[in-house]
């Protein structure tokens, strides 16, 4: 539970940081200071942080106590047709 809360907090902080870094409005709309794409660095940083956060969430939710077990597959009358291997996690 604390990992999910920590991850949600990190994601909220990344979104808040992207809001403050990407909103560099200029007072004079006709003066471009050399190029037009000056705010893409903040967007790229937020994308990288989001990818890292989502990767951490996926890694933390992966179960560790898993094993392969053979489970029977039956027809409508209860006859065993074959066995299939399934991953069982506790």
PDB file of N, CA and C in Angstrom:
ATOM      1  N   UNK A   1       0.824  -1.187   0.000  1.00  0.00           N
ATOM      2  CA  UNK A   1       0.000   0.000   0.000  1.00  0.00           C
ATOM      3  C   UNK A   1       0.869   1.253   0.000  1.00  0.00           C
ATOM      4  N   UNK A   2       1.975   1.220   0.747  1.00  0.00           N
ATOM      5  CA  UNK A   2       2.824   2.405   0.801  1.00  0.00           C
ATOM      6  C   UNK A   2       3.548   2.626  -0.519  1.00  0.00           C
ATOM      7  N   UNK A   3       3.848   1.529  -1.256  1.00  0.00           N
ATOM      8  CA  UNK A   3       4.492   1.696  -2.552  1.00  0.00           C
ATOM      9  C   UNK A   3       3.559   2.393  -3.534  1.00  0.00           C
ATOM     10  N   UNK A   4       2.281   2.021  -3.493  1.00  0.00           N
ATOM     11  CA  UNK A   4       1.316   2.656  -4.387  1.00  0.00           C
ATOM     12  C   UNK A   4       1.128   4.121  -4.024  1.00  0.00           C
ATOM     13  N   UNK A   5       1.099   4.417  -2.730  1.00  0.00           N
ATOM     14  CA  UNK A   5       0.946   5.788  -2.295  1.00  0.00           C
ATOM     15  C   UNK A   5       2.168   6.614  -2.683  1.00  0.00           C
ATOM     16  N   UNK A   6       3.353   6.049  -2.520  1.00  0.00           N
ATOM     17  CA  UNK A   6       4.581   6.739  -2.900  1.00  0.00           C
ATOM     18  C   UNK A   6       4.625   6.962  -4.408  1.00  0.00           C
ATOM     19  N   UNK A   7       4.218   5.963  -5.172  1.00  0.00           N
ATOM     20  CA  UNK A   7       4.211   6.094  -6.622  1.00  0.00           C
ATOM     21  C   UNK A   7       3.209   7.143  -7.071  1.00  0.00           C
ATOM     22  N   UNK A   8       2.041   7.160  -6.462  1.00  0.00           N
ATOM     23  CA  UNK A   8       1.043   8.170  -6.812  1.00  0.00           C
ATOM     24  C   UNK A   8       1.541   9.570  -6.464  1.00  0.00           C
ATOM     25  N   UNK A   9       2.223   9.704  -5.358  1.00  0.00           N
ATOM     26  CA  UNK A   9       2.792  11.003  -4.983  1.00  0.00           C
ATOM     27  C   UNK A   9       3.857  11.455  -5.953  1.00  0.00           C
ATOM     28  N   UNK A  10       4.708  10.519  -6.399  1.00  0.00           N
ATOM     29  CA  UNK A  10       5.746  10.868  -7.373  1.00  0.00           C
ATOM     30  C   UNK A  10       5.122  11.278  -8.702  1.00  0.00           C
ATOM     31  N   UNK A  11       4.072  10.588  -9.107  1.00  0.00           N
ATOM     32  CA  UNK A  11       3.397  10.930 -10.348  1.00  0.00           C
ATOM     33  C   UNK A  11       2.740  12.304 -10.248  1.00  0.00           C
ATOM     34  N   UNK A  12       2.120  12.596  -9.119  1.00  0.00           N
ATOM     35  CA  UNK A  12       1.511  13.912  -8.926  1.00  0.00           C
ATOM     36  C   UNK A  12       2.569  15.016  -8.933  1.00  0.00           C
ATOM     37  N   UNK A  13       3.723  14.742  -8.331  1.00  0.00           N
ATOM     38  CA  UNK A  13       4.806  15.727  -8.332  1.00  0.00           C
ATOM     39  C   UNK A  13       5.341  15.950  -9.745  1.00  0.00           C
ATOM     40  N   UNK A  14       5.428  14.888 -10.532  1.00  0.00           N
ATOM     41  CA  UNK A  14       5.907  15.033 -11.908  1.00  0.00           C
ATOM     42  C   UNK A  14       4.927  15.841 -12.747  1.00  0.00           C
ATOM     43  N   UNK A  15       3.644  15.606 -12.548  1.00  0.00           N
ATOM     44  CA  UNK A  15       2.649  16.374 -13.297  1.00  0.00           C
ATOM     45  C   UNK A  15       2.673  17.835 -12.875  1.00  0.00           C
ATOM     46  N   UNK A  16       2.805  18.090 -11.579  1.00  0.00           N
ATOM     47  CA  UNK A  16       2.877  19.472 -11.110  1.00  0.00           C
ATOM     48  C   UNK A  16       4.133  20.165 -11.630  1.00  0.00           C
ATOM     49  N   UNK A  17       5.253  19.442 -11.650  1.00  0.00           N
ATOM     50  CA  UNK A  17       6.490  20.024 -12.170  1.00  0.00           C
ATOM     51  C   UNK A  17       6.378  20.324 -13.650  1.00  0.00           C
ATOM     52  N   UNK A  18       5.693  19.471 -14.390  1.00  0.00           N
ATOM     53  CA  UNK A  18       5.542  19.735 -15.814  1.00  0.00           C
ATOM     54  C   UNK A  18       4.664  20.949 -16.054  1.00  0.00           C
ATOM     55  N   UNK A  19       3.709  21.177 -15.189  1.00  0.00           N
ATOM     56  CA  UNK A  19       2.849  22.353 -15.330  1.00  0.00           C
ATOM     57  C   UNK A  19       3.645  23.634 -15.137  1.00  0.00           C
ATOM     58  N   UNK A  20       4.553  23.630 -14.171  1.00  0.00           N
ATOM     59  CA  UNK A  20       5.321  24.842 -13.905  1.00  0.00           C
ATOM     60  C   UNK A  20       6.455  25.042 -14.904  1.00  0.00           C
ATOM     61  N   UNK A  21       7.061  23.967 -15.405  1.00  0.00           N
ATOM     62  CA  UNK A  21       8.184  24.140 -16.317  1.00  0.00           C
ATOM     63  C   UNK A  21       7.738  24.378 -17.747  1.00  0.00           C
ATOM     64  N   UNK A  22       6.593  23.872 -18.142  1.00  0.00           N
ATOM     65  CA  UNK A  22       6.170  24.008 -19.532  1.00  0.00           C
ATOM     66  C   UNK A  22       5.422  25.302 -19.795  1.00  0.00           C
ATOM     67  N   UNK A  23       5.070  26.055 -18.767  1.00  0.00           N
ATOM     68  CA  UNK A  23       4.292  27.274 -18.979  1.00  0.00           C
ATOM     69  C   UNK A  23       5.182  28.504 -18.913  1.00  0.00           C
ATOM     70  N   UNK A  24       6.110  28.632 -19.839  1.00  0.00           N
ATOM     71  CA  UNK A  24       6.985  29.794 -19.896  1.00  0.00           C
ATOM     72  C   UNK A  24       6.419  30.776 -20.906  1.00  0.00           C
ATOM     73  N   UNK A  25       5.416  31.499 -20.521  1.00  0.00           N
ATOM     74  CA  UNK A  25       4.776  32.471 -21.400  1.00  0.00           C
ATOM     75  C   UNK A  25       5.641  33.718 -21.488  1.00  0.00           C
ATOM     76  N   UNK A  26       5.647  34.329 -22.651  1.00  0.00           N
ATOM     77  CA  UNK A  26       6.421  35.543 -22.871  1.00  0.00           C
ATOM     78  C   UNK A  26       5.482  36.734 -22.888  1.00  0.00           C
ATOM     79  N   UNK A  27       5.995  37.864 -22.447  1.00  0.00           N
ATOM     80  CA  UNK A  27       5.171  39.061 -22.429  1.00  0.00           C
ATOM     81  C   UNK A  27       4.949  39.592 -23.844  1.00  0.00           C
ATOM     82  N   UNK A  28       5.942  39.458 -24.699  1.00  0.00           N
ATOM     83  CA  UNK A  28       5.835  39.948 -26.073  1.00  0.00           C
ATOM     84  C   UNK A  28       5.670  38.751 -27.002  1.00  0.00           C
ATOM     85  N   UNK A  29       4.491  38.545 -27.597  1.00  0.00           N
ATOM     86  CA  UNK A  29       4.289  37.355 -28.416  1.00  0.00           C
ATOM     87  C   UNK A  29       5.037  37.380 -29.744  1.00  0.00           C
ATOM     88  N   UNK A  30       5.576  38.530 -30.157  1.00  0.00           N
ATOM     89  CA  UNK A  30       6.265  38.621 -31.433  1.00  0.00           C
ATOM     90  C   UNK A  30       7.765  38.453 -31.312  1.00  0.00           C
ATOM     91  N   UNK A  31       8.283  38.351 -30.121  1.00  0.00           N
ATOM     92  CA  UNK A  31       9.712  38.181 -29.911  1.00  0.00           C
ATOM     93  C   UNK A  31       9.959  36.725 -29.530  1.00  0.00           C
ATOM     94  N   UNK A  32      10.672  35.992 -30.366  1.00  0.00           N
ATOM     95  CA  UNK A  32      10.786  34.541 -30.192  1.00  0.00           C
ATOM     96  C   UNK A  32      12.115  34.072 -29.618  1.00  0.00           C
ATOM     97  N   UNK A  33      13.055  34.909 -29.423  1.00  0.00           N
ATOM     98  CA  UNK A  33      14.346  34.573 -28.829  1.00  0.00           C
ATOM     99  C   UNK A  33      15.053  33.437 -29.559  1.00  0.00           C
ATOM    100  N   UNK A  34      15.004  33.407 -30.852  1.00  0.00           N
ATOM    101  CA  UNK A  34      15.817  32.481 -31.623  1.00  0.00           C
ATOM    102  C   UNK A  34      15.113  31.253 -32.148  1.00  0.00           C
ATOM    103  N   UNK A  35      14.252  30.607 -31.374  1.00  0.00           N
ATOM    104  CA  UNK A  35      13.580  29.408 -31.866  1.00  0.00           C
ATOM    105  C   UNK A  35      12.213  29.271 -31.203  1.00  0.00           C
ATOM    106  N   UNK A  36      11.384  28.429 -31.754  1.00  0.00           N
ATOM    107  CA  UNK A  36      10.009  28.313 -31.290  1.00  0.00           C
ATOM    108  C   UNK A  36       9.789  27.177 -30.293  1.00  0.00           C
ATOM    109  N   UNK A  37      10.640  26.170 -30.285  1.00  0.00           N
ATOM    110  CA  UNK A  37      10.392  25.002 -29.439  1.00  0.00           C
ATOM    111  C   UNK A  37      11.170  25.018 -28.149  1.00  0.00           C
ATOM    112  N   UNK A  38      11.147  26.099 -27.413  1.00  0.00           N
ATOM    113  CA  UNK A  38      11.978  26.224 -26.218  1.00  0.00           C
ATOM    114  C   UNK A  38      11.435  25.478 -25.006  1.00  0.00           C
ATOM    115  N   UNK A  39      10.217  25.025 -25.008  1.00  0.00           N
ATOM    116  CA  UNK A  39       9.657  24.378 -23.827  1.00  0.00           C
ATOM    117  C   UNK A  39       9.621  22.858 -23.942  1.00  0.00           C
ATOM    118  N   UNK A  40      10.167  22.261 -24.971  1.00  0.00           N
ATOM    119  CA  UNK A  40      10.093  20.810 -25.140  1.00  0.00           C
ATOM    120  C   UNK A  40      10.999  20.049 -24.181  1.00  0.00           C
ATOM    121  N   UNK A  41      11.970  20.711 -23.584  1.00  0.00           N
ATOM    122  CA  UNK A  41      12.827  20.039 -22.611  1.00  0.00           C
ATOM    123  C   UNK A  41      12.053  19.599 -21.381  1.00  0.00           C
ATOM    124  N   UNK A  42      11.164  20.462 -20.893  1.00  0.00           N
ATOM    125  CA  UNK A  42      10.333  20.100 -19.740  1.00  0.00           C
ATOM    126  C   UNK A  42       9.371  18.977 -20.056  1.00  0.00           C
ATOM    127  N   UNK A  43       8.829  18.994 -21.263  1.00  0.00           N
ATOM    128  CA  UNK A  43       7.902  17.933 -21.680  1.00  0.00           C
ATOM    129  C   UNK A  43       8.642  16.600 -21.778  1.00  0.00           C
ATOM    130  N   UNK A  44       9.848  16.623 -22.318  1.00  0.00           N
ATOM    131  CA  UNK A  44      10.638  15.389 -22.422  1.00  0.00           C
ATOM    132  C   UNK A  44      11.018  14.859 -21.042  1.00  0.00           C
ATOM    133  N   UNK A  45      11.351  15.753 -20.132  1.00  0.00           N
ATOM    134  CA  UNK A  45      11.707  15.325 -18.773  1.00  0.00           C
ATOM    135  C   UNK A  45      10.509  14.697 -18.070  1.00  0.00           C
ATOM    136  N   UNK A  46       9.340  15.280 -18.240  1.00  0.00           N
ATOM    137  CA  UNK A  46       8.141  14.719 -17.616  1.00  0.00           C
ATOM    138  C   UNK A  46       7.796  13.374 -18.233  1.00  0.00           C
ATOM    139  N   UNK A  47       7.978  13.228 -19.537  1.00  0.00           N
ATOM    140  CA  UNK A  47       7.744  11.939 -20.178  1.00  0.00           C
ATOM    141  C   UNK A  47       8.675  10.868 -19.640  1.00  0.00           C
ATOM    142  N   UNK A  48       9.940  11.223 -19.442  1.00  0.00           N
ATOM    143  CA  UNK A  48      10.897  10.257 -18.900  1.00  0.00           C
ATOM    144  C   UNK A  48      10.540   9.884 -17.462  1.00  0.00           C
ATOM    145  N   UNK A  49      10.152  10.869 -16.660  1.00  0.00           N
ATOM    146  CA  UNK A  49       9.768  10.570 -15.277  1.00  0.00           C
ATOM    147  C   UNK A  49       8.508   9.713 -15.221  1.00  0.00           C
ATOM    148  N   UNK A  50       7.570   9.985 -16.101  1.00  0.00           N
ATOM    149  CA  UNK A  50       6.354   9.179 -16.133  1.00  0.00           C
ATOM    150  C   UNK A  50       6.662   7.741 -16.523  1.00  0.00           C
ATOM    151  N   UNK A  51       7.532   7.560 -17.517  1.00  0.00           N
ATOM    152  CA  UNK A  51       7.903   6.206 -17.926  1.00  0.00           C
ATOM    153  C   UNK A  51       8.603   5.462 -16.790  1.00  0.00           C
ATOM    154  N   UNK A  52       9.489   6.134 -16.079  1.00  0.00           N
ATOM    155  CA  UNK A  52      10.168   5.497 -14.947  1.00  0.00           C
ATOM    156  C   UNK A  52       9.182   5.152 -13.828  1.00  0.00           C
ATOM    157  N   UNK A  53       8.225   6.042 -13.580  1.00  0.00           N
ATOM    158  CA  UNK A  53       7.244   5.784 -12.532  1.00  0.00           C
ATOM    159  C   UNK A  53       6.353   4.605 -12.887  1.00  0.00           C
ATOM    160  N   UNK A  54       5.884   4.558 -14.121  1.00  0.00           N
ATOM    161  CA  UNK A  54       5.037   3.442 -14.540  1.00  0.00           C
ATOM    162  C   UNK A  54       5.815   2.127 -14.545  1.00  0.00           C
ATOM    163  N   UNK A  55       7.091   2.169 -14.898  1.00  0.00           N
ATOM    164  CA  UNK A  55       7.923   0.972 -14.821  1.00  0.00           C
ATOM    165  C   UNK A  55       8.101   0.486 -13.395  1.00  0.00           C
ATOM    166  N   UNK A  56       8.243   1.421 -12.459  1.00  0.00           N
ATOM    167  CA  UNK A  56       8.376   1.039 -11.056  1.00  0.00           C
ATOM    168  C   UNK A  56       7.082   0.430 -10.523  1.00  0.00           C
ATOM    169  N   UNK A  57       5.952   0.970 -10.963  1.00  0.00           N
ATOM    170  CA  UNK A  57       4.663   0.415 -10.538  1.00  0.00           C
ATOM    171  C   UNK A  57       4.502  -1.000 -11.069  1.00  0.00           C
ATOM    172  N   UNK A  58       4.847  -1.205 -12.336  1.00  0.00           N
ATOM    173  CA  UNK A  58       4.718  -2.537 -12.927  1.00  0.00           C
ATOM    174  C   UNK A  58       5.648  -3.537 -12.242  1.00  0.00           C
ATOM    175  N   UNK A  59       6.838  -3.099 -11.878  1.00  0.00           N
ATOM    176  CA  UNK A  59       7.780  -4.003 -11.223  1.00  0.00           C
ATOM    177  C   UNK A  59       7.361  -4.307  -9.793  1.00  0.00           C
ATOM    178  N   UNK A  60       6.740  -3.351  -9.118  1.00  0.00           N
ATOM    179  CA  UNK A  60       6.361  -3.591  -7.723  1.00  0.00           C
ATOM    180  C   UNK A  60       5.129  -4.477  -7.614  1.00  0.00           C
ATOM    181  N   UNK A  61       4.287  -4.520  -8.637  1.00  0.00           N
ATOM    182  CA  UNK A  61       3.086  -5.337  -8.576  1.00  0.00           C
ATOM    183  C   UNK A  61       3.293  -6.756  -9.087  1.00  0.00           C
ATOM    184  N   UNK A  62       4.490  -7.085  -9.534  1.00  0.00           N
ATOM    185  CA  UNK A  62       4.757  -8.425 -10.031  1.00  0.00           C
ATOM    186  C   UNK A  62       4.845  -9.399  -8.855  1.00  0.00           C
ATOM    187  N   UNK A  63       4.083 -10.473  -8.889  1.00  0.00           N
ATOM    188  CA  UNK A  63       4.143 -11.444  -7.785  1.00  0.00           C
ATOM    189  C   UNK A  63       5.460 -12.215  -7.810  1.00  0.00           C
ATOM    190  N   UNK A  64       5.931 -12.584  -6.646  1.00  0.00           N
ATOM    191  CA  UNK A  64       7.221 -13.266  -6.553  1.00  0.00           C
ATOM    192  C   UNK A  64       7.078 -14.742  -6.221  1.00  0.00           C
ATOM    193  N   UNK A  65       5.982 -15.172  -5.598  1.00  0.00           N
ATOM    194  CA  UNK A  65       5.802 -16.563  -5.210  1.00  0.00           C
ATOM    195  C   UNK A  65       4.963 -17.286  -6.253  1.00  0.00           C
ATOM    196  N   UNK A  66       5.544 -17.569  -7.395  1.00  0.00           N
ATOM    197  CA  UNK A  66       4.816 -18.225  -8.477  1.00  0.00           C
ATOM    198  C   UNK A  66       5.469 -19.567  -8.811  1.00  0.00           C
ATOM    199  N   UNK A  67       4.639 -20.484  -9.300  1.00  0.00           N
ATOM    200  CA  UNK A  67       5.135 -21.774  -9.767  1.00  0.00           C
ATOM    201  C   UNK A  67       4.227 -22.261 -10.886  1.00  0.00           C
ATOM    202  N   UNK A  68       4.704 -23.237 -11.643  1.00  0.00           N
ATOM    203  CA  UNK A  68       3.941 -23.815 -12.748  1.00  0.00           C
ATOM    204  C   UNK A  68       3.241 -25.077 -12.250  1.00  0.00           C
ATOM    205  N   UNK A  69       1.932 -25.162 -12.492  1.00  0.00           N
ATOM    206  CA  UNK A  69       1.158 -26.329 -12.070  1.00  0.00           C
ATOM    207  C   UNK A  69       0.356 -26.846 -13.260  1.00  0.00           C
ATOM    208  N   UNK A  70       0.135 -28.166 -13.277  1.00  0.00           N
ATOM    209  CA  UNK A  70      -0.684 -28.775 -14.325  1.00  0.00           C
ATOM    210  C   UNK A  70      -2.123 -28.799 -13.854  1.00  0.00           C
ATOM    211  N   UNK A  71      -3.031 -28.233 -14.646  1.00  0.00           N
ATOM    212  CA  UNK A  71      -4.441 -28.184 -14.291  1.00  0.00           C
ATOM    213  C   UNK A  71      -5.242 -28.909 -15.365  1.00  0.00           C
ATOM    214  N   UNK A  72      -6.219 -29.702 -14.957  1.00  0.00           N
ATOM    215  CA  UNK A  72      -7.002 -30.434 -15.960  1.00  0.00           C
ATOM    216  C   UNK A  72      -8.007 -29.531 -16.675  1.00  0.00           C
ATOM    217  N   UNK A  73      -8.199 -29.818 -17.961  1.00  0.00           N
ATOM    218  CA  UNK A  73      -9.230 -29.156 -18.756  1.00  0.00           C
ATOM    219  C   UNK A  73     -10.302 -30.201 -19.033  1.00  0.00           C
ATOM    220  N   UNK A  74     -11.540 -29.889 -18.648  1.00  0.00           N
ATOM    221  CA  UNK A  74     -12.622 -30.869 -18.767  1.00  0.00           C
ATOM    222  C   UNK A  74     -13.685 -30.384 -19.748  1.00  0.00           C
ATOM    223  N   UNK A  75     -14.491 -31.331 -20.234  1.00  0.00           N
ATOM    224  CA  UNK A  75     -15.620 -30.967 -21.088  1.00  0.00           C
ATOM    225  C   UNK A  75     -16.859 -30.743 -20.224  1.00  0.00           C
ATOM    226  N   UNK A  76     -18.008 -30.595 -20.842  1.00  0.00           N
ATOM    227  CA  UNK A  76     -19.229 -30.293 -20.106  1.00  0.00           C
ATOM    228  C   UNK A  76     -19.662 -31.422 -19.169  1.00  0.00           C
ATOM    229  N   UNK A  77     -19.246 -32.642 -19.441  1.00  0.00           N
ATOM    230  CA  UNK A  77     -19.647 -33.793 -18.630  1.00  0.00           C
ATOM    231  C   UNK A  77     -18.636 -34.147 -17.554  1.00  0.00           C
ATOM    232  N   UNK A  78     -17.543 -33.395 -17.448  1.00  0.00           N
ATOM    233  CA  UNK A  78     -16.549 -33.647 -16.418  1.00  0.00           C
ATOM    234  C   UNK A  78     -15.423 -34.572 -16.843  1.00  0.00           C
ATOM    235  N   UNK A  79     -15.385 -34.969 -18.106  1.00  0.00           N
ATOM    236  CA  UNK A  79     -14.296 -35.811 -18.588  1.00  0.00           C
ATOM    237  C   UNK A  79     -13.053 -34.956 -18.809  1.00  0.00           C
ATOM    238  N   UNK A  80     -11.914 -35.486 -18.365  1.00  0.00           N
ATOM    239  CA  UNK A  80     -10.655 -34.756 -18.531  1.00  0.00           C
ATOM    240  C   UNK A  80     -10.199 -34.902 -19.972  1.00  0.00           C
ATOM    241  N   UNK A  81     -10.052 -33.776 -20.647  1.00  0.00           N
ATOM    242  CA  UNK A  81      -9.599 -33.789 -22.032  1.00  0.00           C
ATOM    243  C   UNK A  81      -8.076 -33.771 -22.121  1.00  0.00           C
ATOM    244  N   UNK A  82      -7.484 -32.876 -21.394  1.00  0.00           N
ATOM    245  CA  UNK A  82      -6.017 -32.767 -21.370  1.00  0.00           C
ATOM    246  C   UNK A  82      -5.625 -31.929 -20.158  1.00  0.00           C
ATOM    247  N   UNK A  83      -4.329 -31.865 -19.908  1.00  0.00           N
ATOM    248  CA  UNK A  83      -3.796 -31.038 -18.831  1.00  0.00           C
ATOM    249  C   UNK A  83      -3.052 -29.868 -19.462  1.00  0.00           C
ATOM    250  N   UNK A  84      -3.208 -28.707 -18.873  1.00  0.00           N
ATOM    251  CA  UNK A  84      -2.445 -27.561 -19.357  1.00  0.00           C
ATOM    252  C   UNK A  84      -1.637 -26.986 -18.204  1.00  0.00           C
ATOM    253  N   UNK A  85      -0.529 -26.408 -18.586  1.00  0.00           N
ATOM    254  CA  UNK A  85       0.366 -25.820 -17.592  1.00  0.00           C
ATOM    255  C   UNK A  85      -0.068 -24.374 -17.364  1.00  0.00           C
ATOM    256  N   UNK A  86      -0.213 -23.991 -16.097  1.00  0.00           N
ATOM    257  CA  UNK A  86      -0.606 -22.639 -15.736  1.00  0.00           C
ATOM    258  C   UNK A  86       0.291 -22.116 -14.652  1.00  0.00           C
ATOM    259  N   UNK A  87       0.520 -20.824 -14.677  1.00  0.00           N
ATOM    260  CA  UNK A  87       1.290 -20.187 -13.614  1.00  0.00           C
ATOM    261  C   UNK A  87       0.361 -19.866 -12.455  1.00  0.00           C
ATOM    262  N   UNK A  88       0.711 -20.341 -11.269  1.00  0.00           N
ATOM    263  CA  UNK A  88      -0.088 -20.121 -10.065  1.00  0.00           C
ATOM    264  C   UNK A  88       0.753 -19.256  -9.123  1.00  0.00           C
ATOM    265  N   UNK A  89       0.172 -18.132  -8.702  1.00  0.00           N
ATOM    266  CA  UNK A  89       0.887 -17.212  -7.814  1.00  0.00           C
ATOM    267  C   UNK A  89       0.135 -17.088  -6.503  1.00  0.00           C
ATOM    268  N   UNK A  90       0.879 -17.036  -5.420  1.00  0.00           N
ATOM    269  CA  UNK A  90       0.267 -16.905  -4.090  1.00  0.00           C
ATOM    270  C   UNK A  90       0.540 -15.539  -3.523  1.00  0.00           C
TER     271      UNK A  90
END
